[in-house]
Amino acid sequence: MIVTTVMVHVKSDHVADFIRETLRNCEASVEETGNLRFDLLQSEEDPSRFLLYEAYESREAAAAHKQTGHYERWRDRVADWMAEPRQGIKYTGIRP
């Protein structure tokens, strides 16, 4: 299992826009072959900070995600809403 966490800091005036677009991406992503989960989390301390948790069966499935139209749309739509560049960290899942 390949897991990527993506930390996102959104400009405060675009929080609702970011949530709307990210939910669209999440809903499409969980339908992808090889996707195990795709979560959107919002910080309780700072509502402009988010964590995306993406789990895929393999590196190939995770890479294929970045080639989908819904990902490309999300990436392009949210780019100007970022307060700073998003940060992704890849992990190898041990459990489950």
N, C-alpha and C. Protein backbone atom coordinates (compact mmCIF):
# COMPACT_ATOMS: atom_id res chain seq x y z
N MET A 1 0.84 -1.17 0.00
CA MET A 1 0.00 0.00 0.00
C MET A 1 0.89 1.24 0.00
N ILE A 2 0.53 2.19 -0.84
CA ILE A 2 1.24 3.46 -0.93
C ILE A 2 0.32 4.54 -0.41
N VAL A 3 0.80 5.33 0.54
CA VAL A 3 0.01 6.40 1.13
C VAL A 3 0.74 7.71 0.89
N THR A 4 -0.03 8.72 0.52
CA THR A 4 0.51 10.07 0.41
C THR A 4 -0.34 10.98 1.29
N THR A 5 0.33 11.77 2.12
CA THR A 5 -0.37 12.82 2.86
C THR A 5 0.03 14.13 2.19
N VAL A 6 -0.97 14.97 1.98
CA VAL A 6 -0.72 16.27 1.35
C VAL A 6 -1.21 17.34 2.30
N MET A 7 -0.28 18.18 2.74
CA MET A 7 -0.62 19.28 3.63
C MET A 7 -0.86 20.52 2.79
N VAL A 8 -2.02 21.14 3.02
CA VAL A 8 -2.43 22.28 2.20
C VAL A 8 -2.81 23.44 3.12
N HIS A 9 -2.29 24.61 2.79
CA HIS A 9 -2.68 25.85 3.48
C HIS A 9 -3.35 26.72 2.43
N VAL A 10 -4.64 27.01 2.64
CA VAL A 10 -5.46 27.72 1.67
C VAL A 10 -5.66 29.16 2.14
N LYS A 11 -5.71 30.07 1.20
CA LYS A 11 -6.05 31.46 1.53
C LYS A 11 -7.44 31.46 2.16
N SER A 12 -7.60 32.21 3.23
CA SER A 12 -8.83 32.13 4.02
C SER A 12 -10.08 32.47 3.21
N ASP A 13 -9.98 33.30 2.20
CA ASP A 13 -11.16 33.65 1.41
C ASP A 13 -11.51 32.59 0.37
N HIS A 14 -10.74 31.51 0.32
CA HIS A 14 -11.02 30.44 -0.64
C HIS A 14 -11.25 29.08 0.03
N VAL A 15 -11.44 29.07 1.33
CA VAL A 15 -11.64 27.81 2.05
C VAL A 15 -12.85 27.05 1.50
N ALA A 16 -13.98 27.70 1.35
CA ALA A 16 -15.19 27.02 0.85
C ALA A 16 -14.98 26.52 -0.58
N ASP A 17 -14.31 27.32 -1.41
CA ASP A 17 -14.01 26.91 -2.79
C ASP A 17 -13.13 25.66 -2.78
N PHE A 18 -12.11 25.68 -1.94
CA PHE A 18 -11.18 24.55 -1.85
C PHE A 18 -11.91 23.28 -1.43
N ILE A 19 -12.75 23.39 -0.43
CA ILE A 19 -13.50 22.22 0.04
C ILE A 19 -14.37 21.68 -1.08
N ARG A 20 -15.10 22.55 -1.77
CA ARG A 20 -15.97 22.12 -2.86
C ARG A 20 -15.19 21.37 -3.94
N GLU A 21 -14.09 21.94 -4.40
CA GLU A 21 -13.31 21.32 -5.47
C GLU A 21 -12.62 20.04 -5.01
N THR A 22 -12.17 20.03 -3.77
CA THR A 22 -11.46 18.85 -3.26
C THR A 22 -12.43 17.70 -3.05
N LEU A 23 -13.65 17.99 -2.61
CA LEU A 23 -14.65 16.93 -2.47
C LEU A 23 -14.96 16.30 -3.83
N ARG A 24 -15.02 17.10 -4.88
CA ARG A 24 -15.21 16.55 -6.24
C ARG A 24 -14.07 15.60 -6.59
N ASN A 25 -12.85 16.03 -6.30
CA ASN A 25 -11.69 15.19 -6.59
C ASN A 25 -11.72 13.91 -5.75
N CYS A 26 -12.05 14.03 -4.47
CA CYS A 26 -12.12 12.86 -3.58
C CYS A 26 -13.14 11.86 -4.09
N GLU A 27 -14.33 12.34 -4.44
CA GLU A 27 -15.40 11.44 -4.89
C GLU A 27 -15.01 10.69 -6.15
N ALA A 28 -14.34 11.35 -7.08
CA ALA A 28 -13.88 10.68 -8.29
C ALA A 28 -12.70 9.75 -8.00
N SER A 29 -11.83 10.16 -7.10
CA SER A 29 -10.63 9.37 -6.80
C SER A 29 -10.96 8.03 -6.18
N VAL A 30 -11.96 7.97 -5.31
CA VAL A 30 -12.30 6.70 -4.66
C VAL A 30 -12.89 5.70 -5.66
N GLU A 31 -13.24 6.15 -6.86
CA GLU A 31 -13.73 5.25 -7.91
C GLU A 31 -12.60 4.70 -8.77
N GLU A 32 -11.40 5.21 -8.60
CA GLU A 32 -10.26 4.76 -9.41
C GLU A 32 -9.88 3.32 -9.04
N THR A 33 -9.45 2.58 -10.04
CA THR A 33 -8.90 1.25 -9.80
C THR A 33 -7.65 1.39 -8.94
N GLY A 34 -7.58 0.65 -7.87
CA GLY A 34 -6.40 0.68 -7.01
C GLY A 34 -6.48 1.67 -5.87
N ASN A 35 -7.53 2.50 -5.81
CA ASN A 35 -7.66 3.44 -4.71
C ASN A 35 -8.26 2.72 -3.50
N LEU A 36 -7.66 2.90 -2.35
CA LEU A 36 -8.15 2.30 -1.12
C LEU A 36 -8.89 3.31 -0.24
N ARG A 37 -8.46 4.57 -0.29
CA ARG A 37 -9.16 5.62 0.44
C ARG A 37 -8.61 6.97 0.02
N PHE A 38 -9.44 7.97 0.21
CA PHE A 38 -9.04 9.34 -0.12
C PHE A 38 -9.81 10.25 0.83
N ASP A 39 -9.15 10.76 1.84
CA ASP A 39 -9.79 11.53 2.90
C ASP A 39 -9.39 13.00 2.82
N LEU A 40 -10.33 13.85 3.18
CA LEU A 40 -10.09 15.28 3.30
C LEU A 40 -10.32 15.65 4.76
N LEU A 41 -9.29 16.20 5.40
CA LEU A 41 -9.35 16.59 6.81
C LEU A 41 -9.07 18.09 6.92
N GLN A 42 -9.81 18.76 7.81
CA GLN A 42 -9.64 20.18 8.04
C GLN A 42 -9.21 20.40 9.49
N SER A 43 -8.21 21.24 9.69
CA SER A 43 -7.70 21.53 11.02
C SER A 43 -8.76 22.22 11.87
N GLU A 44 -8.90 21.78 13.10
CA GLU A 44 -9.80 22.45 14.04
C GLU A 44 -9.18 23.76 14.53
N GLU A 45 -7.87 23.81 14.61
CA GLU A 45 -7.19 25.01 15.11
C GLU A 45 -7.11 26.11 14.06
N ASP A 46 -6.97 25.72 12.80
CA ASP A 46 -6.85 26.69 11.70
C ASP A 46 -7.63 26.15 10.51
N PRO A 47 -8.87 26.59 10.30
CA PRO A 47 -9.71 26.06 9.24
C PRO A 47 -9.17 26.26 7.82
N SER A 48 -8.09 27.00 7.67
CA SER A 48 -7.50 27.17 6.34
C SER A 48 -6.42 26.12 6.06
N ARG A 49 -6.23 25.20 6.99
CA ARG A 49 -5.23 24.13 6.81
C ARG A 49 -5.94 22.78 6.67
N PHE A 50 -5.47 22.03 5.68
CA PHE A 50 -6.09 20.75 5.35
C PHE A 50 -5.03 19.67 5.21
N LEU A 51 -5.48 18.44 5.37
CA LEU A 51 -4.66 17.27 5.12
C LEU A 51 -5.44 16.34 4.21
N LEU A 52 -4.85 15.97 3.10
CA LEU A 52 -5.42 14.95 2.23
C LEU A 52 -4.67 13.66 2.51
N TYR A 53 -5.40 12.57 2.71
CA TYR A 53 -4.83 11.26 2.98
C TYR A 53 -5.26 10.36 1.83
N GLU A 54 -4.28 9.92 1.03
CA GLU A 54 -4.55 9.14 -0.16
C GLU A 54 -3.86 7.78 -0.03
N ALA A 55 -4.61 6.71 -0.19
CA ALA A 55 -4.03 5.37 -0.11
C ALA A 55 -4.35 4.61 -1.39
N TYR A 56 -3.33 4.00 -1.98
CA TYR A 56 -3.46 3.22 -3.21
C TYR A 56 -2.81 1.86 -3.02
N GLU A 57 -3.28 0.90 -3.79
CA GLU A 57 -2.75 -0.46 -3.72
C GLU A 57 -1.29 -0.55 -4.15
N SER A 58 -0.88 0.32 -5.06
CA SER A 58 0.47 0.22 -5.63
C SER A 58 0.97 1.59 -6.07
N ARG A 59 2.26 1.66 -6.34
CA ARG A 59 2.85 2.90 -6.87
C ARG A 59 2.24 3.24 -8.22
N GLU A 60 1.96 2.21 -9.01
CA GLU A 60 1.38 2.43 -10.33
C GLU A 60 -0.01 3.06 -10.22
N ALA A 61 -0.82 2.58 -9.29
CA ALA A 61 -2.16 3.14 -9.09
C ALA A 61 -2.07 4.58 -8.60
N ALA A 62 -1.12 4.86 -7.72
CA ALA A 62 -0.93 6.23 -7.22
C ALA A 62 -0.48 7.14 -8.36
N ALA A 63 0.41 6.66 -9.20
CA ALA A 63 0.88 7.46 -10.34
C ALA A 63 -0.24 7.68 -11.35
N ALA A 64 -1.07 6.67 -11.57
CA ALA A 64 -2.19 6.80 -12.51
C ALA A 64 -3.17 7.88 -12.06
N HIS A 65 -3.32 8.05 -10.76
CA HIS A 65 -4.21 9.08 -10.23
C HIS A 65 -3.83 10.46 -10.77
N LYS A 66 -2.55 10.72 -10.87
CA LYS A 66 -2.09 12.04 -11.32
C LYS A 66 -2.32 12.26 -12.81
N GLN A 67 -2.75 11.22 -13.52
CA GLN A 67 -3.04 11.33 -14.95
C GLN A 67 -4.53 11.49 -15.23
N THR A 68 -5.35 11.49 -14.20
CA THR A 68 -6.79 11.55 -14.39
C THR A 68 -7.25 13.00 -14.62
N GLY A 69 -8.35 13.13 -15.33
CA GLY A 69 -8.90 14.44 -15.59
C GLY A 69 -9.36 15.14 -14.32
N HIS A 70 -9.93 14.37 -13.37
CA HIS A 70 -10.41 15.01 -12.14
C HIS A 70 -9.24 15.55 -11.31
N TYR A 71 -8.12 14.83 -11.28
CA TYR A 71 -6.95 15.34 -10.55
C TYR A 71 -6.42 16.60 -11.23
N GLU A 72 -6.27 16.54 -12.57
CA GLU A 72 -5.73 17.69 -13.28
C GLU A 72 -6.63 18.92 -13.11
N ARG A 73 -7.94 18.72 -13.14
CA ARG A 73 -8.88 19.82 -12.91
C ARG A 73 -8.67 20.39 -11.50
N TRP A 74 -8.61 19.49 -10.49
CA TRP A 74 -8.41 19.93 -9.11
C TRP A 74 -7.12 20.74 -8.99
N ARG A 75 -6.03 20.18 -9.48
CA ARG A 75 -4.72 20.83 -9.39
C ARG A 75 -4.75 22.23 -9.98
N ASP A 76 -5.37 22.36 -11.15
CA ASP A 76 -5.41 23.65 -11.82
C ASP A 76 -6.35 24.63 -11.12
N ARG A 77 -7.49 24.14 -10.64
CA ARG A 77 -8.49 25.01 -10.01
C ARG A 77 -7.99 25.57 -8.67
N VAL A 78 -7.31 24.75 -7.87
CA VAL A 78 -6.93 25.18 -6.52
C VAL A 78 -5.59 25.91 -6.46
N ALA A 79 -4.83 25.90 -7.52
CA ALA A 79 -3.47 26.44 -7.50
C ALA A 79 -3.40 27.87 -6.96
N ASP A 80 -4.27 28.74 -7.42
CA ASP A 80 -4.22 30.14 -7.00
C ASP A 80 -4.80 30.37 -5.61
N TRP A 81 -5.43 29.35 -5.06
CA TRP A 81 -6.03 29.48 -3.73
C TRP A 81 -5.06 29.13 -2.61
N MET A 82 -3.88 28.64 -2.96
CA MET A 82 -2.91 28.21 -1.96
C MET A 82 -2.24 29.41 -1.31
N ALA A 83 -2.15 29.38 0.03
CA ALA A 83 -1.41 30.40 0.75
C ALA A 83 0.09 30.13 0.68
N GLU A 84 0.42 28.87 0.42
CA GLU A 84 1.81 28.44 0.23
C GLU A 84 1.76 27.13 -0.54
N PRO A 85 2.87 26.71 -1.15
CA PRO A 85 2.84 25.46 -1.92
C PRO A 85 2.43 24.26 -1.05
N ARG A 86 1.62 23.38 -1.61
CA ARG A 86 1.22 22.18 -0.87
C ARG A 86 2.42 21.26 -0.74
N GLN A 87 2.40 20.44 0.31
CA GLN A 87 3.52 19.53 0.58
C GLN A 87 3.00 18.10 0.67
N GLY A 88 3.51 17.24 -0.19
CA GLY A 88 3.13 15.84 -0.18
C GLY A 88 4.25 14.99 0.39
N ILE A 89 3.87 14.03 1.22
CA ILE A 89 4.84 13.09 1.80
C ILE A 89 4.34 11.69 1.50
N LYS A 90 5.21 10.86 0.92
CA LYS A 90 4.84 9.50 0.56
C LYS A 90 5.27 8.53 1.67
N TYR A 91 4.41 7.53 1.88
CA TYR A 91 4.67 6.50 2.88
C TYR A 91 4.40 5.14 2.27
N THR A 92 5.05 4.12 2.81
CA THR A 92 4.69 2.73 2.51
C THR A 92 3.84 2.25 3.65
N GLY A 93 2.62 1.79 3.33
CA GLY A 93 1.71 1.32 4.37
C GLY A 93 2.17 -0.01 4.96
N ILE A 94 2.18 -0.10 6.24
CA ILE A 94 2.56 -1.34 6.94
C ILE A 94 1.31 -2.05 7.44
N ARG A 95 0.36 -1.30 7.95
CA ARG A 95 -0.89 -1.87 8.44
C ARG A 95 -2.00 -0.87 8.20
N PRO A 96 -3.15 -1.18 7.70
CA PRO A 96 -3.65 -2.53 7.51
C PRO A 96 -3.05 -3.17 6.29
